[in-house]
Full PDB file with SEQRES, HELIX, SHEET, SSBOND, CRYST1, ORIGX, SCALE, CONECT and MASTER records, all heavy atoms in Angstrom:
SEQRES   1 A   32  GLU PHE VAL ALA GLY ILE SER TRP GLY GLY THR ARG THR          
SEQRES   2 A   32  TYR TYR ALA ASP SER VAL LYS GLY ARG PHE THR ILE SER          
SEQRES   3 A   32  ARG ASP ASN ALA LYS ASN                                      
HELIX    1 AA1 ASN A   29  LYS A   31  5                                   3    
SHEET    1 AA1 2 ALA A   4  ILE A   6  0                                        
SHEET    2 AA1 2 THR A  13  TYR A  15 -1                                        
CRYST1    1.000    1.000    1.000  90.00  90.00  90.00 P 1           1          
ORIGX1      1.000000  0.000000  0.000000        0.00000                         
ORIGX2      0.000000  1.000000  0.000000        0.00000                         
ORIGX3      0.000000  0.000000  1.000000        0.00000                         
SCALE1      1.000000  0.000000  0.000000        0.00000                         
SCALE2      0.000000  1.000000  0.000000        0.00000                         
SCALE3      0.000000  0.000000  1.000000        0.00000                         
ATOM      1  N   GLU A   1     201.151 179.174 282.896  1.00  0.00           N  
ATOM      2  CA  GLU A   1     201.710 178.656 281.599  1.00  0.00           C  
ATOM      3  C   GLU A   1     200.772 178.752 280.448  1.00  0.00           C  
ATOM      4  O   GLU A   1     199.493 178.644 280.598  1.00  0.00           O  
ATOM      5  CB  GLU A   1     201.962 177.141 281.918  1.00  0.00           C  
ATOM      6  CG  GLU A   1     200.834 176.317 282.274  1.00  0.00           C  
ATOM      7  CD  GLU A   1     201.157 174.818 282.401  1.00  0.00           C  
ATOM      8  OE1 GLU A   1     202.252 174.386 281.980  1.00  0.00           O  
ATOM      9  OE2 GLU A   1     200.316 174.052 282.910  1.00  0.00           O  
ATOM     10  N   PHE A   2     201.305 178.795 279.270  1.00  0.00           N  
ATOM     11  CA  PHE A   2     200.556 178.801 277.983  1.00  0.00           C  
ATOM     12  C   PHE A   2     199.828 177.571 277.728  1.00  0.00           C  
ATOM     13  O   PHE A   2     200.405 176.466 278.085  1.00  0.00           O  
ATOM     14  CB  PHE A   2     201.432 179.170 276.896  1.00  0.00           C  
ATOM     15  CG  PHE A   2     200.872 178.868 275.521  1.00  0.00           C  
ATOM     16  CD1 PHE A   2     199.994 179.894 274.983  1.00  0.00           C  
ATOM     17  CD2 PHE A   2     201.192 177.813 274.723  1.00  0.00           C  
ATOM     18  CE1 PHE A   2     199.440 179.660 273.673  1.00  0.00           C  
ATOM     19  CE2 PHE A   2     200.631 177.648 273.595  1.00  0.00           C  
ATOM     20  CZ  PHE A   2     199.826 178.471 272.951  1.00  0.00           C  
ATOM     21  N   VAL A   3     198.642 177.641 277.426  1.00  0.00           N  
ATOM     22  CA  VAL A   3     197.845 176.357 277.054  1.00  0.00           C  
ATOM     23  C   VAL A   3     197.495 176.166 275.550  1.00  0.00           C  
ATOM     24  O   VAL A   3     197.851 175.252 274.837  1.00  0.00           O  
ATOM     25  CB  VAL A   3     196.507 176.355 277.853  1.00  0.00           C  
ATOM     26  CG1 VAL A   3     195.720 175.141 277.438  1.00  0.00           C  
ATOM     27  CG2 VAL A   3     196.823 176.204 279.364  1.00  0.00           C  
ATOM     28  N   ALA A   4     196.928 177.293 275.081  1.00  0.00           N  
ATOM     29  CA  ALA A   4     196.522 177.242 273.687  1.00  0.00           C  
ATOM     30  C   ALA A   4     196.442 178.715 273.065  1.00  0.00           C  
ATOM     31  O   ALA A   4     196.052 179.605 273.823  1.00  0.00           O  
ATOM     32  CB  ALA A   4     195.313 176.493 273.479  1.00  0.00           C  
ATOM     33  N   GLY A   5     196.627 178.842 271.755  1.00  0.00           N  
ATOM     34  CA  GLY A   5     196.513 180.152 271.105  1.00  0.00           C  
ATOM     35  C   GLY A   5     195.675 179.949 269.810  1.00  0.00           C  
ATOM     36  O   GLY A   5     195.800 178.866 269.225  1.00  0.00           O  
ATOM     37  N   ILE A   6     195.117 181.044 269.287  1.00  0.00           N  
ATOM     38  CA  ILE A   6     194.360 180.917 268.019  1.00  0.00           C  
ATOM     39  C   ILE A   6     194.499 182.325 267.276  1.00  0.00           C  
ATOM     40  O   ILE A   6     194.497 183.384 267.870  1.00  0.00           O  
ATOM     41  CB  ILE A   6     192.882 180.585 268.187  1.00  0.00           C  
ATOM     42  CG1 ILE A   6     192.309 180.242 266.893  1.00  0.00           C  
ATOM     43  CG2 ILE A   6     192.119 181.615 269.026  1.00  0.00           C  
ATOM     44  CD1 ILE A   6     190.858 179.530 267.160  1.00  0.00           C  
ATOM     45  N   SER A   7     194.645 182.187 265.955  1.00  0.00           N  
ATOM     46  CA  SER A   7     194.853 183.428 265.201  1.00  0.00           C  
ATOM     47  C   SER A   7     193.466 184.275 265.070  1.00  0.00           C  
ATOM     48  O   SER A   7     192.460 183.770 265.408  1.00  0.00           O  
ATOM     49  CB  SER A   7     195.423 183.017 263.816  1.00  0.00           C  
ATOM     50  OG  SER A   7     194.498 182.220 263.159  1.00  0.00           O  
ATOM     51  N   TRP A   8     193.628 185.414 264.427  1.00  0.00           N  
ATOM     52  CA  TRP A   8     192.446 186.155 264.211  1.00  0.00           C  
ATOM     53  C   TRP A   8     191.304 185.486 263.620  1.00  0.00           C  
ATOM     54  O   TRP A   8     190.215 185.573 264.096  1.00  0.00           O  
ATOM     55  CB  TRP A   8     192.738 187.489 263.380  1.00  0.00           C  
ATOM     56  CG  TRP A   8     194.041 188.237 263.731  1.00  0.00           C  
ATOM     57  CD1 TRP A   8     194.426 188.520 264.960  1.00  0.00           C  
ATOM     58  CD2 TRP A   8     194.890 188.814 262.829  1.00  0.00           C  
ATOM     59  NE1 TRP A   8     195.594 189.198 264.807  1.00  0.00           N  
ATOM     60  CE2 TRP A   8     195.948 189.486 263.510  1.00  0.00           C  
ATOM     61  CE3 TRP A   8     194.937 188.997 261.454  1.00  0.00           C  
ATOM     62  CZ2 TRP A   8     196.991 190.166 263.008  1.00  0.00           C  
ATOM     63  CZ3 TRP A   8     195.993 189.606 260.843  1.00  0.00           C  
ATOM     64  CH2 TRP A   8     197.014 190.228 261.527  1.00  0.00           C  
ATOM     65  N   GLY A   9     191.499 184.773 262.527  1.00  0.00           N  
ATOM     66  CA  GLY A   9     190.465 184.172 261.785  1.00  0.00           C  
ATOM     67  C   GLY A   9     190.149 182.779 262.188  1.00  0.00           C  
ATOM     68  O   GLY A   9     189.242 182.074 261.700  1.00  0.00           O  
ATOM     69  N   GLY A  10     191.013 182.217 263.113  1.00  0.00           N  
ATOM     70  CA  GLY A  10     190.811 180.941 263.597  1.00  0.00           C  
ATOM     71  C   GLY A  10     191.480 179.834 262.733  1.00  0.00           C  
ATOM     72  O   GLY A  10     191.321 178.591 263.102  1.00  0.00           O  
ATOM     73  N   THR A  11     192.233 180.225 261.760  1.00  0.00           N  
ATOM     74  CA  THR A  11     192.952 179.219 260.880  1.00  0.00           C  
ATOM     75  C   THR A  11     194.072 178.576 261.495  1.00  0.00           C  
ATOM     76  O   THR A  11     194.607 177.388 260.998  1.00  0.00           O  
ATOM     77  CB  THR A  11     193.147 179.723 259.503  1.00  0.00           C  
ATOM     78  OG1 THR A  11     193.928 180.980 259.727  1.00  0.00           O  
ATOM     79  CG2 THR A  11     191.849 180.248 258.810  1.00  0.00           C  
ATOM     80  N   ARG A  12     194.736 179.259 262.417  1.00  0.00           N  
ATOM     81  CA  ARG A  12     195.982 178.755 262.878  1.00  0.00           C  
ATOM     82  C   ARG A  12     195.832 178.574 264.451  1.00  0.00           C  
ATOM     83  O   ARG A  12     195.293 179.433 265.233  1.00  0.00           O  
ATOM     84  CB  ARG A  12     197.171 179.670 262.624  1.00  0.00           C  
ATOM     85  CG  ARG A  12     197.487 179.714 261.250  1.00  0.00           C  
ATOM     86  CD  ARG A  12     198.751 180.473 260.933  1.00  0.00           C  
ATOM     87  NE  ARG A  12     198.379 181.896 261.255  1.00  0.00           N  
ATOM     88  CZ  ARG A  12     197.778 182.798 260.393  1.00  0.00           C  
ATOM     89  NH1 ARG A  12     197.463 182.264 259.180  1.00  0.00           N  
ATOM     90  NH2 ARG A  12     197.668 183.983 260.786  1.00  0.00           N  
ATOM     91  N   THR A  13     196.187 177.376 264.912  1.00  0.00           N  
ATOM     92  CA  THR A  13     196.088 177.064 266.320  1.00  0.00           C  
ATOM     93  C   THR A  13     197.427 176.618 266.944  1.00  0.00           C  
ATOM     94  O   THR A  13     198.196 176.004 266.162  1.00  0.00           O  
ATOM     95  CB  THR A  13     194.896 176.065 266.743  1.00  0.00           C  
ATOM     96  OG1 THR A  13     195.089 174.854 266.009  1.00  0.00           O  
ATOM     97  CG2 THR A  13     193.533 176.730 266.370  1.00  0.00           C  
ATOM     98  N   TYR A  14     197.649 176.840 268.159  1.00  0.00           N  
ATOM     99  CA  TYR A  14     198.914 176.459 268.828  1.00  0.00           C  
ATOM    100  C   TYR A  14     198.560 175.805 270.248  1.00  0.00           C  
ATOM    101  O   TYR A  14     197.619 176.303 270.884  1.00  0.00           O  
ATOM    102  CB  TYR A  14     199.756 177.622 268.941  1.00  0.00           C  
ATOM    103  CG  TYR A  14     199.971 178.497 267.730  1.00  0.00           C  
ATOM    104  CD1 TYR A  14     199.031 179.515 267.334  1.00  0.00           C  
ATOM    105  CD2 TYR A  14     200.859 178.253 266.735  1.00  0.00           C  
ATOM    106  CE1 TYR A  14     199.123 180.219 266.194  1.00  0.00           C  
ATOM    107  CE2 TYR A  14     201.021 178.924 265.565  1.00  0.00           C  
ATOM    108  CZ  TYR A  14     200.154 179.928 265.288  1.00  0.00           C  
ATOM    109  OH  TYR A  14     200.278 180.668 264.247  1.00  0.00           O  
ATOM    110  N   TYR A  15     199.319 174.893 270.655  1.00  0.00           N  
ATOM    111  CA  TYR A  15     199.068 174.241 271.794  1.00  0.00           C  
ATOM    112  C   TYR A  15     200.349 173.833 272.621  1.00  0.00           C  
ATOM    113  O   TYR A  15     201.409 173.522 271.987  1.00  0.00           O  
ATOM    114  CB  TYR A  15     198.270 172.904 271.501  1.00  0.00           C  
ATOM    115  CG  TYR A  15     196.976 173.025 270.948  1.00  0.00           C  
ATOM    116  CD1 TYR A  15     196.925 172.906 269.562  1.00  0.00           C  
ATOM    117  CD2 TYR A  15     195.866 173.221 271.710  1.00  0.00           C  
ATOM    118  CE1 TYR A  15     195.569 173.071 268.977  1.00  0.00           C  
ATOM    119  CE2 TYR A  15     194.683 173.324 271.122  1.00  0.00           C  
ATOM    120  CZ  TYR A  15     194.480 173.371 269.786  1.00  0.00           C  
ATOM    121  OH  TYR A  15     193.282 173.417 269.233  1.00  0.00           O  
ATOM    122  N   ALA A  16     200.216 173.814 273.922  1.00  0.00           N  
ATOM    123  CA  ALA A  16     201.214 173.409 274.749  1.00  0.00           C  
ATOM    124  C   ALA A  16     201.357 171.903 274.600  1.00  0.00           C  
ATOM    125  O   ALA A  16     200.268 171.141 274.397  1.00  0.00           O  
ATOM    126  CB  ALA A  16     201.078 173.708 276.195  1.00  0.00           C  
ATOM    127  N   ASP A  17     202.649 171.332 274.730  1.00  0.00           N  
ATOM    128  CA  ASP A  17     202.769 169.918 274.413  1.00  0.00           C  
ATOM    129  C   ASP A  17     201.823 169.109 275.442  1.00  0.00           C  
ATOM    130  O   ASP A  17     201.394 167.982 275.161  1.00  0.00           O  
ATOM    131  CB  ASP A  17     204.250 169.426 274.674  1.00  0.00           C  
ATOM    132  CG  ASP A  17     205.014 169.966 273.459  1.00  0.00           C  
ATOM    133  OD1 ASP A  17     204.533 170.299 272.484  1.00  0.00           O  
ATOM    134  OD2 ASP A  17     206.277 170.000 273.664  1.00  0.00           O  
ATOM    135  N   SER A  18     201.698 169.711 276.565  1.00  0.00           N  
ATOM    136  CA  SER A  18     200.894 168.929 277.587  1.00  0.00           C  
ATOM    137  C   SER A  18     199.523 168.782 277.367  1.00  0.00           C  
ATOM    138  O   SER A  18     198.789 167.859 278.042  1.00  0.00           O  
ATOM    139  CB  SER A  18     201.148 169.670 279.022  1.00  0.00           C  
ATOM    140  OG  SER A  18     200.651 170.942 278.983  1.00  0.00           O  
ATOM    141  N   VAL A  19     198.965 169.528 276.454  1.00  0.00           N  
ATOM    142  CA  VAL A  19     197.536 169.452 276.185  1.00  0.00           C  
ATOM    143  C   VAL A  19     197.235 168.940 274.685  1.00  0.00           C  
ATOM    144  O   VAL A  19     196.070 168.824 274.395  1.00  0.00           O  
ATOM    145  CB  VAL A  19     196.725 170.787 276.512  1.00  0.00           C  
ATOM    146  CG1 VAL A  19     197.053 171.240 278.000  1.00  0.00           C  
ATOM    147  CG2 VAL A  19     197.127 171.920 275.526  1.00  0.00           C  
ATOM    148  N   LYS A  20     198.213 168.862 273.948  1.00  0.00           N  
ATOM    149  CA  LYS A  20     198.072 168.511 272.562  1.00  0.00           C  
ATOM    150  C   LYS A  20     197.312 167.150 272.446  1.00  0.00           C  
ATOM    151  O   LYS A  20     197.549 166.231 273.111  1.00  0.00           O  
ATOM    152  CB  LYS A  20     199.321 168.369 271.709  1.00  0.00           C  
ATOM    153  CG  LYS A  20     199.914 169.665 271.399  1.00  0.00           C  
ATOM    154  CD  LYS A  20     201.201 169.508 270.575  1.00  0.00           C  
ATOM    155  CE  LYS A  20     201.916 170.726 270.189  1.00  0.00           C  
ATOM    156  NZ  LYS A  20     203.222 170.645 269.535  1.00  0.00           N  
ATOM    157  N   GLY A  21     196.202 167.094 271.443  1.00  0.00           N  
ATOM    158  CA  GLY A  21     195.400 165.869 271.391  1.00  0.00           C  
ATOM    159  C   GLY A  21     194.355 165.799 272.309  1.00  0.00           C  
ATOM    160  O   GLY A  21     193.423 164.897 272.193  1.00  0.00           O  
ATOM    161  N   ARG A  22     194.266 166.613 273.369  1.00  0.00           N  
ATOM    162  CA  ARG A  22     193.190 166.504 274.373  1.00  0.00           C  
ATOM    163  C   ARG A  22     192.393 167.862 274.382  1.00  0.00           C  
ATOM    164  O   ARG A  22     191.158 167.803 274.613  1.00  0.00           O  
ATOM    165  CB  ARG A  22     193.803 166.405 275.827  1.00  0.00           C  
ATOM    166  CG  ARG A  22     194.551 165.052 275.949  1.00  0.00           C  
ATOM    167  CD  ARG A  22     194.901 164.717 277.440  1.00  0.00           C  
ATOM    168  NE  ARG A  22     195.812 165.850 277.899  1.00  0.00           N  
ATOM    169  CZ  ARG A  22     195.548 166.576 278.998  1.00  0.00           C  
ATOM    170  NH1 ARG A  22     194.360 166.331 279.614  1.00  0.00           N  
ATOM    171  NH2 ARG A  22     196.375 167.540 279.422  1.00  0.00           N  
ATOM    172  N   PHE A  23     193.030 168.943 274.165  1.00  0.00           N  
ATOM    173  CA  PHE A  23     192.350 170.277 274.229  1.00  0.00           C  
ATOM    174  C   PHE A  23     192.234 170.786 272.783  1.00  0.00           C  
ATOM    175  O   PHE A  23     193.156 170.656 271.934  1.00  0.00           O  
ATOM    176  CB  PHE A  23     193.155 171.376 275.071  1.00  0.00           C  
ATOM    177  CG  PHE A  23     193.126 171.020 276.589  1.00  0.00           C  
ATOM    178  CD1 PHE A  23     192.743 169.910 277.099  1.00  0.00           C  
ATOM    179  CD2 PHE A  23     193.574 171.957 277.343  1.00  0.00           C  
ATOM    180  CE1 PHE A  23     192.724 169.630 278.502  1.00  0.00           C  
ATOM    181  CE2 PHE A  23     193.682 171.718 278.707  1.00  0.00           C  
ATOM    182  CZ  PHE A  23     193.220 170.538 279.264  1.00  0.00           C  
ATOM    183  N   THR A  24     191.129 171.576 272.526  1.00  0.00           N  
ATOM    184  CA  THR A  24     190.989 172.236 271.181  1.00  0.00           C  
ATOM    185  C   THR A  24     190.471 173.718 271.482  1.00  0.00           C  
ATOM    186  O   THR A  24     189.459 173.891 272.180  1.00  0.00           O  
ATOM    187  CB  THR A  24     189.889 171.452 270.367  1.00  0.00           C  
ATOM    188  OG1 THR A  24     190.296 170.130 270.237  1.00  0.00           O  
ATOM    189  CG2 THR A  24     189.715 172.112 268.957  1.00  0.00           C  
ATOM    190  N   ILE A  25     191.174 174.612 270.900  1.00  0.00           N  
ATOM    191  CA  ILE A  25     190.869 176.012 270.956  1.00  0.00           C  
ATOM    192  C   ILE A  25     190.064 176.355 269.596  1.00  0.00           C  
ATOM    193  O   ILE A  25     190.415 175.887 268.530  1.00  0.00           O  
ATOM    194  CB  ILE A  25     192.010 176.991 271.201  1.00  0.00           C  
ATOM    195  CG1 ILE A  25     191.518 178.411 271.443  1.00  0.00           C  
ATOM    196  CG2 ILE A  25     193.006 176.821 270.035  1.00  0.00           C  
ATOM    197  CD1 ILE A  25     192.645 179.233 271.941  1.00  0.00           C  
ATOM    198  N   SER A  26     188.960 177.173 269.760  1.00  0.00           N  
ATOM    199  CA  SER A  26     188.321 177.575 268.609  1.00  0.00           C  
ATOM    200  C   SER A  26     187.656 178.967 268.886  1.00  0.00           C  
ATOM    201  O   SER A  26     187.711 179.422 270.071  1.00  0.00           O  
ATOM    202  CB  SER A  26     187.139 176.618 268.289  1.00  0.00           C  
ATOM    203  OG  SER A  26     186.166 176.533 269.321  1.00  0.00           O  
ATOM    204  N   ARG A  27     187.102 179.556 267.825  1.00  0.00           N  
ATOM    205  CA  ARG A  27     186.533 180.854 268.111  1.00  0.00           C  
ATOM    206  C   ARG A  27     185.351 181.149 267.126  1.00  0.00           C  
ATOM    207  O   ARG A  27     185.383 180.537 266.052  1.00  0.00           O  
ATOM    208  CB  ARG A  27     187.578 182.044 267.982  1.00  0.00           C  
ATOM    209  CG  ARG A  27     188.117 182.162 266.517  1.00  0.00           C  
ATOM    210  CD  ARG A  27     189.278 183.141 266.587  1.00  0.00           C  
ATOM    211  NE  ARG A  27     188.950 184.482 266.835  1.00  0.00           N  
ATOM    212  CZ  ARG A  27     189.810 185.382 267.259  1.00  0.00           C  
ATOM    213  NH1 ARG A  27     191.101 185.168 267.281  1.00  0.00           N  
ATOM    214  NH2 ARG A  27     189.243 186.597 267.589  1.00  0.00           N  
ATOM    215  N   ASP A  28     184.459 181.947 267.569  1.00  0.00           N  
ATOM    216  CA  ASP A  28     183.231 182.251 266.780  1.00  0.00           C  
ATOM    217  C   ASP A  28     183.254 183.886 266.732  1.00  0.00           C  
ATOM    218  O   ASP A  28     182.922 184.541 267.742  1.00  0.00           O  
ATOM    219  CB  ASP A  28     181.971 181.771 267.356  1.00  0.00           C  
ATOM    220  CG  ASP A  28     180.828 182.014 266.482  1.00  0.00           C  
ATOM    221  OD1 ASP A  28     180.843 183.000 265.675  1.00  0.00           O  
ATOM    222  OD2 ASP A  28     179.757 181.370 266.689  1.00  0.00           O  
ATOM    223  N   ASN A  29     183.779 184.389 265.698  1.00  0.00           N  
ATOM    224  CA  ASN A  29     183.875 185.956 265.736  1.00  0.00           C  
ATOM    225  C   ASN A  29     182.557 186.591 265.729  1.00  0.00           C  
ATOM    226  O   ASN A  29     182.366 187.790 266.127  1.00  0.00           O  
ATOM    227  CB  ASN A  29     184.766 186.382 264.469  1.00  0.00           C  
ATOM    228  CG  ASN A  29     186.284 186.113 264.742  1.00  0.00           C  
ATOM    229  OD1 ASN A  29     186.733 185.713 265.880  1.00  0.00           O  
ATOM    230  ND2 ASN A  29     186.988 186.104 263.693  1.00  0.00           N  
ATOM    231  N   ALA A  30     181.509 185.906 265.202  1.00  0.00           N  
ATOM    232  CA  ALA A  30     180.198 186.551 265.074  1.00  0.00           C  
ATOM    233  C   ALA A  30     179.673 186.674 266.556  1.00  0.00           C  
ATOM    234  O   ALA A  30     178.766 187.483 266.729  1.00  0.00           O  
ATOM    235  CB  ALA A  30     179.318 185.657 264.276  1.00  0.00           C  
ATOM    236  N   LYS A  31     180.151 185.803 267.420  1.00  0.00           N  
ATOM    237  CA  LYS A  31     179.591 185.836 268.891  1.00  0.00           C  
ATOM    238  C   LYS A  31     180.715 186.414 269.781  1.00  0.00           C  
ATOM    239  O   LYS A  31     180.446 186.380 271.037  1.00  0.00           O  
ATOM    240  CB  LYS A  31     179.243 184.390 269.293  1.00  0.00           C  
ATOM    241  CG  LYS A  31     178.094 183.745 268.569  1.00  0.00           C  
ATOM    242  CD  LYS A  31     177.738 182.393 269.058  1.00  0.00           C  
ATOM    243  CE  LYS A  31     176.539 181.792 268.395  1.00  0.00           C  
ATOM    244  NZ  LYS A  31     176.280 180.430 268.928  1.00  0.00           N  
ATOM    245  N   ASN A  32     181.758 186.895 269.310  1.00  0.00           N  
ATOM    246  CA  ASN A  32     182.809 187.493 270.026  1.00  0.00           C  
ATOM    247  C   ASN A  32     183.229 186.426 271.211  1.00  0.00           C  
ATOM    248  O   ASN A  32     183.528 186.930 272.258  1.00  0.00           O  
ATOM    249  CB  ASN A  32     182.399 188.721 270.728  1.00  0.00           C  
ATOM    250  CG  ASN A  32     182.357 190.031 269.799  1.00  0.00           C  
ATOM    251  OD1 ASN A  32     182.591 189.703 268.570  1.00  0.00           O  
ATOM    252  ND2 ASN A  32     182.200 191.126 270.318  1.00  0.00           N  
TER     253      ASN A  32                                                      
MASTER        0    0    0    1    2    0    0    6  252    1    0    3          
END                                                                             
């Protein structure tokens, strides 16, 4: 099942309802 997704630049994030408010997706493109 899908949990979370994030756009190329990290400005848009998406979450499954089951994890909203508890999980946070993020990215650091400088660190891959």
